[in-house]
Amino acid sequence: MNFQNIVIVGNATADAEKKVSQKGDVEYATFDVAVSDGKEKATFFPVVVFGDFSDTVAKYVTKGREILVSGRVRVSDKGRFSVVADTVRFGNDPRRVEETA
């Protein structure tokens, strides 16, 4: 049996970007999540979301927003990794806090 799962919780480093595959048949959204070690360093995780949920992700993942991502790690032919998200949960959005203050 094989199983792979990664869960990360951090902050979006920029607004999510909606994209379409080169063939034009697959919609997806991409964004990065910074996960702090609690001191001065952070690890950055590139995340990709495929399908219908990519519209929602592109709308609600904004810079600084807390994000929980659950998915699997994919490694490209060039050795770059990304997290293919199965689940994305939206946490606090610092822009909303500033607007209400």
N, C-alpha and C. Protein backbone atom coordinates (compact mmCIF):
# COMPACT_ATOMS: atom_id res chain seq x y z
N MET A 1 0.84 -1.18 0.00
CA MET A 1 0.00 0.00 0.00
C MET A 1 0.89 1.24 0.00
N ASN A 2 0.51 2.24 -0.79
CA ASN A 2 1.21 3.52 -0.84
C ASN A 2 0.25 4.62 -0.44
N PHE A 3 0.78 5.58 0.31
CA PHE A 3 -0.05 6.70 0.74
C PHE A 3 0.83 7.92 0.93
N GLN A 4 0.35 9.07 0.49
CA GLN A 4 1.08 10.31 0.67
C GLN A 4 0.09 11.41 1.02
N ASN A 5 0.40 12.19 2.04
CA ASN A 5 -0.44 13.32 2.42
C ASN A 5 0.44 14.36 3.09
N ILE A 6 0.20 15.61 2.74
CA ILE A 6 0.90 16.72 3.38
C ILE A 6 -0.15 17.73 3.82
N VAL A 7 0.03 18.27 5.01
CA VAL A 7 -0.84 19.32 5.52
C VAL A 7 0.06 20.49 5.92
N ILE A 8 -0.26 21.67 5.38
CA ILE A 8 0.50 22.86 5.73
C ILE A 8 -0.47 23.96 6.15
N VAL A 9 -0.03 24.76 7.10
CA VAL A 9 -0.81 25.91 7.55
C VAL A 9 0.14 27.09 7.58
N GLY A 10 -0.22 28.15 6.86
CA GLY A 10 0.63 29.32 6.81
C GLY A 10 -0.13 30.48 6.19
N ASN A 11 0.62 31.37 5.57
CA ASN A 11 0.02 32.56 4.96
C ASN A 11 0.36 32.62 3.48
N ALA A 12 -0.62 33.04 2.69
CA ALA A 12 -0.40 33.21 1.25
C ALA A 12 0.59 34.35 1.04
N THR A 13 1.55 34.14 0.14
CA THR A 13 2.57 35.16 -0.10
C THR A 13 2.11 36.19 -1.14
N ALA A 14 1.06 35.86 -1.90
CA ALA A 14 0.50 36.75 -2.91
C ALA A 14 -0.90 36.26 -3.25
N ASP A 15 -1.64 37.04 -3.99
CA ASP A 15 -2.96 36.61 -4.44
C ASP A 15 -2.81 35.40 -5.37
N ALA A 16 -3.76 34.48 -5.29
CA ALA A 16 -3.74 33.30 -6.17
C ALA A 16 -3.94 33.75 -7.61
N GLU A 17 -3.36 32.99 -8.53
CA GLU A 17 -3.49 33.28 -9.96
C GLU A 17 -4.26 32.17 -10.64
N LYS A 18 -5.28 32.54 -11.40
CA LYS A 18 -6.07 31.58 -12.18
C LYS A 18 -5.38 31.38 -13.51
N LYS A 19 -5.26 30.12 -13.94
CA LYS A 19 -4.58 29.81 -15.19
C LYS A 19 -5.34 28.74 -15.96
N VAL A 20 -4.95 28.57 -17.22
CA VAL A 20 -5.50 27.53 -18.08
C VAL A 20 -4.33 26.80 -18.71
N SER A 21 -4.43 25.47 -18.82
CA SER A 21 -3.34 24.68 -19.38
C SER A 21 -3.04 25.10 -20.82
N GLN A 22 -1.87 24.73 -21.31
CA GLN A 22 -1.47 25.11 -22.67
C GLN A 22 -2.45 24.59 -23.71
N LYS A 23 -3.02 23.43 -23.47
CA LYS A 23 -4.01 22.86 -24.39
C LYS A 23 -5.36 23.53 -24.25
N GLY A 24 -5.55 24.26 -23.14
CA GLY A 24 -6.80 24.97 -22.91
C GLY A 24 -7.91 24.12 -22.34
N ASP A 25 -7.56 22.93 -21.86
CA ASP A 25 -8.61 22.02 -21.38
C ASP A 25 -8.67 21.88 -19.86
N VAL A 26 -7.71 22.45 -19.14
CA VAL A 26 -7.68 22.31 -17.68
C VAL A 26 -7.50 23.69 -17.05
N GLU A 27 -8.42 24.04 -16.15
CA GLU A 27 -8.29 25.27 -15.37
C GLU A 27 -7.65 24.94 -14.03
N TYR A 28 -6.81 25.85 -13.57
CA TYR A 28 -6.17 25.65 -12.27
C TYR A 28 -5.78 26.98 -11.67
N ALA A 29 -5.50 26.97 -10.38
CA ALA A 29 -5.04 28.17 -9.67
C ALA A 29 -3.76 27.83 -8.94
N THR A 30 -2.87 28.80 -8.85
CA THR A 30 -1.61 28.61 -8.14
C THR A 30 -1.40 29.72 -7.12
N PHE A 31 -0.72 29.36 -6.05
CA PHE A 31 -0.33 30.33 -5.03
C PHE A 31 0.75 29.70 -4.17
N ASP A 32 1.44 30.52 -3.39
CA ASP A 32 2.48 30.04 -2.48
C ASP A 32 2.03 30.27 -1.05
N VAL A 33 2.41 29.34 -0.18
CA VAL A 33 2.13 29.47 1.25
C VAL A 33 3.45 29.50 2.00
N ALA A 34 3.65 30.50 2.84
CA ALA A 34 4.83 30.60 3.69
C ALA A 34 4.48 30.04 5.06
N VAL A 35 5.29 29.09 5.51
CA VAL A 35 5.08 28.48 6.82
C VAL A 35 6.28 28.86 7.70
N SER A 36 6.01 29.62 8.75
CA SER A 36 7.06 30.12 9.62
C SER A 36 7.50 29.04 10.60
N ASP A 37 8.78 29.08 10.96
CA ASP A 37 9.28 28.15 11.97
C ASP A 37 9.13 28.72 13.37
N GLY A 38 8.48 29.89 13.47
CA GLY A 38 8.26 30.51 14.77
C GLY A 38 9.38 31.44 15.19
N LYS A 39 10.42 31.49 14.38
CA LYS A 39 11.55 32.37 14.67
C LYS A 39 11.69 33.36 13.54
N GLU A 40 12.74 33.23 12.76
CA GLU A 40 12.97 34.18 11.67
C GLU A 40 12.88 33.54 10.29
N LYS A 41 12.76 32.25 10.21
CA LYS A 41 12.79 31.59 8.92
C LYS A 41 11.41 31.06 8.52
N ALA A 42 11.22 30.94 7.23
CA ALA A 42 9.97 30.39 6.71
C ALA A 42 10.31 29.43 5.57
N THR A 43 9.43 28.48 5.36
CA THR A 43 9.52 27.57 4.23
C THR A 43 8.37 27.90 3.30
N PHE A 44 8.65 27.97 2.00
CA PHE A 44 7.66 28.37 1.02
C PHE A 44 7.21 27.15 0.22
N PHE A 45 5.90 26.96 0.14
CA PHE A 45 5.31 25.83 -0.55
C PHE A 45 4.48 26.32 -1.73
N PRO A 46 4.86 25.97 -2.96
CA PRO A 46 4.00 26.28 -4.10
C PRO A 46 2.81 25.33 -4.11
N VAL A 47 1.61 25.86 -4.32
CA VAL A 47 0.38 25.06 -4.27
C VAL A 47 -0.36 25.22 -5.59
N VAL A 48 -0.95 24.12 -6.07
CA VAL A 48 -1.79 24.15 -7.27
C VAL A 48 -3.12 23.48 -6.96
N VAL A 49 -4.20 24.09 -7.45
CA VAL A 49 -5.56 23.56 -7.27
C VAL A 49 -6.18 23.42 -8.65
N PHE A 50 -6.69 22.23 -8.95
CA PHE A 50 -7.28 21.97 -10.26
C PHE A 50 -8.81 21.97 -10.21
N GLY A 51 -9.42 22.19 -11.37
CA GLY A 51 -10.86 22.02 -11.51
C GLY A 51 -11.69 23.20 -11.07
N ASP A 52 -12.96 22.89 -10.77
CA ASP A 52 -13.94 23.93 -10.43
C ASP A 52 -13.56 24.74 -9.20
N PHE A 53 -12.89 24.12 -8.23
CA PHE A 53 -12.54 24.81 -7.00
C PHE A 53 -11.48 25.89 -7.25
N SER A 54 -10.82 25.86 -8.39
CA SER A 54 -9.80 26.86 -8.69
C SER A 54 -10.41 28.27 -8.77
N ASP A 55 -11.66 28.39 -9.19
CA ASP A 55 -12.33 29.69 -9.21
C ASP A 55 -12.45 30.27 -7.80
N THR A 56 -12.87 29.45 -6.86
CA THR A 56 -13.02 29.88 -5.47
C THR A 56 -11.67 30.25 -4.88
N VAL A 57 -10.67 29.43 -5.13
CA VAL A 57 -9.33 29.70 -4.62
C VAL A 57 -8.81 31.02 -5.18
N ALA A 58 -8.98 31.24 -6.48
CA ALA A 58 -8.51 32.48 -7.10
C ALA A 58 -9.20 33.70 -6.51
N LYS A 59 -10.42 33.53 -6.07
CA LYS A 59 -11.19 34.64 -5.50
C LYS A 59 -10.80 34.95 -4.05
N TYR A 60 -10.56 33.90 -3.24
CA TYR A 60 -10.40 34.09 -1.80
C TYR A 60 -8.98 33.98 -1.27
N VAL A 61 -8.04 33.44 -2.03
CA VAL A 61 -6.66 33.38 -1.54
C VAL A 61 -5.99 34.71 -1.90
N THR A 62 -5.78 35.51 -0.89
CA THR A 62 -5.17 36.82 -1.06
C THR A 62 -3.92 36.92 -0.20
N LYS A 63 -3.04 37.82 -0.57
CA LYS A 63 -1.77 37.98 0.13
C LYS A 63 -1.99 38.17 1.63
N GLY A 64 -1.28 37.37 2.43
CA GLY A 64 -1.35 37.47 3.88
C GLY A 64 -2.41 36.62 4.53
N ARG A 65 -3.36 36.11 3.75
CA ARG A 65 -4.45 35.33 4.31
C ARG A 65 -3.95 33.99 4.86
N GLU A 66 -4.47 33.60 6.02
CA GLU A 66 -4.14 32.30 6.58
C GLU A 66 -4.78 31.21 5.72
N ILE A 67 -3.99 30.18 5.43
CA ILE A 67 -4.44 29.11 4.55
C ILE A 67 -4.03 27.77 5.14
N LEU A 68 -4.95 26.81 5.09
CA LEU A 68 -4.64 25.41 5.40
C LEU A 68 -4.79 24.63 4.10
N VAL A 69 -3.77 23.87 3.76
CA VAL A 69 -3.79 23.08 2.53
C VAL A 69 -3.49 21.63 2.90
N SER A 70 -4.29 20.73 2.36
CA SER A 70 -4.05 19.30 2.49
C SER A 70 -3.99 18.73 1.08
N GLY A 71 -2.98 17.91 0.82
CA GLY A 71 -2.85 17.34 -0.52
C GLY A 71 -1.68 16.40 -0.61
N ARG A 72 -1.09 16.36 -1.81
CA ARG A 72 0.04 15.46 -2.03
C ARG A 72 1.15 16.24 -2.74
N VAL A 73 2.37 15.76 -2.60
CA VAL A 73 3.52 16.41 -3.21
C VAL A 73 3.72 15.85 -4.61
N ARG A 74 3.94 16.76 -5.55
CA ARG A 74 4.25 16.37 -6.93
C ARG A 74 5.62 16.94 -7.26
N VAL A 75 6.46 16.13 -7.91
CA VAL A 75 7.79 16.57 -8.32
C VAL A 75 7.84 16.55 -9.84
N SER A 76 8.24 17.69 -10.43
CA SER A 76 8.30 17.79 -11.89
C SER A 76 9.53 17.08 -12.43
N ASP A 77 9.62 16.97 -13.74
CA ASP A 77 10.79 16.37 -14.39
C ASP A 77 12.06 17.17 -14.11
N LYS A 78 11.89 18.46 -13.82
CA LYS A 78 13.03 19.32 -13.52
C LYS A 78 13.40 19.31 -12.04
N GLY A 79 12.70 18.51 -11.23
CA GLY A 79 13.00 18.39 -9.82
C GLY A 79 12.33 19.41 -8.93
N ARG A 80 11.44 20.22 -9.47
CA ARG A 80 10.70 21.19 -8.65
C ARG A 80 9.48 20.52 -8.05
N PHE A 81 9.20 20.87 -6.81
CA PHE A 81 8.05 20.27 -6.15
C PHE A 81 6.92 21.27 -6.02
N SER A 82 5.71 20.76 -5.91
CA SER A 82 4.54 21.57 -5.58
C SER A 82 3.57 20.69 -4.81
N VAL A 83 2.66 21.34 -4.12
CA VAL A 83 1.61 20.63 -3.40
C VAL A 83 0.35 20.68 -4.25
N VAL A 84 -0.16 19.52 -4.63
CA VAL A 84 -1.42 19.44 -5.35
C VAL A 84 -2.51 19.33 -4.29
N ALA A 85 -3.31 20.38 -4.15
CA ALA A 85 -4.26 20.47 -3.04
C ALA A 85 -5.52 19.65 -3.30
N ASP A 86 -5.90 18.89 -2.29
CA ASP A 86 -7.20 18.23 -2.26
C ASP A 86 -8.19 19.09 -1.48
N THR A 87 -7.66 19.78 -0.45
CA THR A 87 -8.48 20.63 0.42
C THR A 87 -7.76 21.95 0.66
N VAL A 88 -8.50 23.04 0.58
CA VAL A 88 -7.97 24.36 0.93
C VAL A 88 -9.00 25.00 1.87
N ARG A 89 -8.54 25.41 3.04
CA ARG A 89 -9.39 26.11 4.01
C ARG A 89 -8.88 27.53 4.17
N PHE A 90 -9.80 28.47 4.23
CA PHE A 90 -9.44 29.87 4.33
C PHE A 90 -9.54 30.33 5.77
N GLY A 91 -8.47 30.94 6.27
CA GLY A 91 -8.45 31.49 7.62
C GLY A 91 -8.65 32.99 7.57
N ASN A 92 -8.09 33.67 8.57
CA ASN A 92 -8.23 35.11 8.67
C ASN A 92 -7.60 35.82 7.48
N ASP A 93 -8.24 36.90 7.07
CA ASP A 93 -7.72 37.74 5.99
C ASP A 93 -7.34 39.06 6.60
N PRO A 94 -6.04 39.40 6.64
CA PRO A 94 -5.62 40.64 7.29
C PRO A 94 -6.21 41.89 6.66
N ARG A 95 -6.58 41.84 5.37
CA ARG A 95 -7.19 43.00 4.72
C ARG A 95 -8.55 43.30 5.33
N ARG A 96 -9.30 42.27 5.66
CA ARG A 96 -10.63 42.46 6.27
C ARG A 96 -10.50 43.05 7.67
N VAL A 97 -9.49 42.60 8.41
CA VAL A 97 -9.28 43.11 9.77
C VAL A 97 -8.99 44.60 9.71
N GLU A 98 -8.14 45.01 8.75
CA GLU A 98 -7.80 46.43 8.62
C GLU A 98 -9.01 47.27 8.21
N GLU A 99 -9.88 46.71 7.36
CA GLU A 99 -11.06 47.44 6.92
C GLU A 99 -12.05 47.69 8.03
N THR A 100 -12.15 46.76 8.98
CA THR A 100 -13.13 46.89 10.06
C THR A 100 -12.57 47.65 11.25
N ALA A 101 -11.27 47.86 11.30
CA ALA A 101 -10.66 48.53 12.46
C ALA A 101 -10.83 50.03 12.40
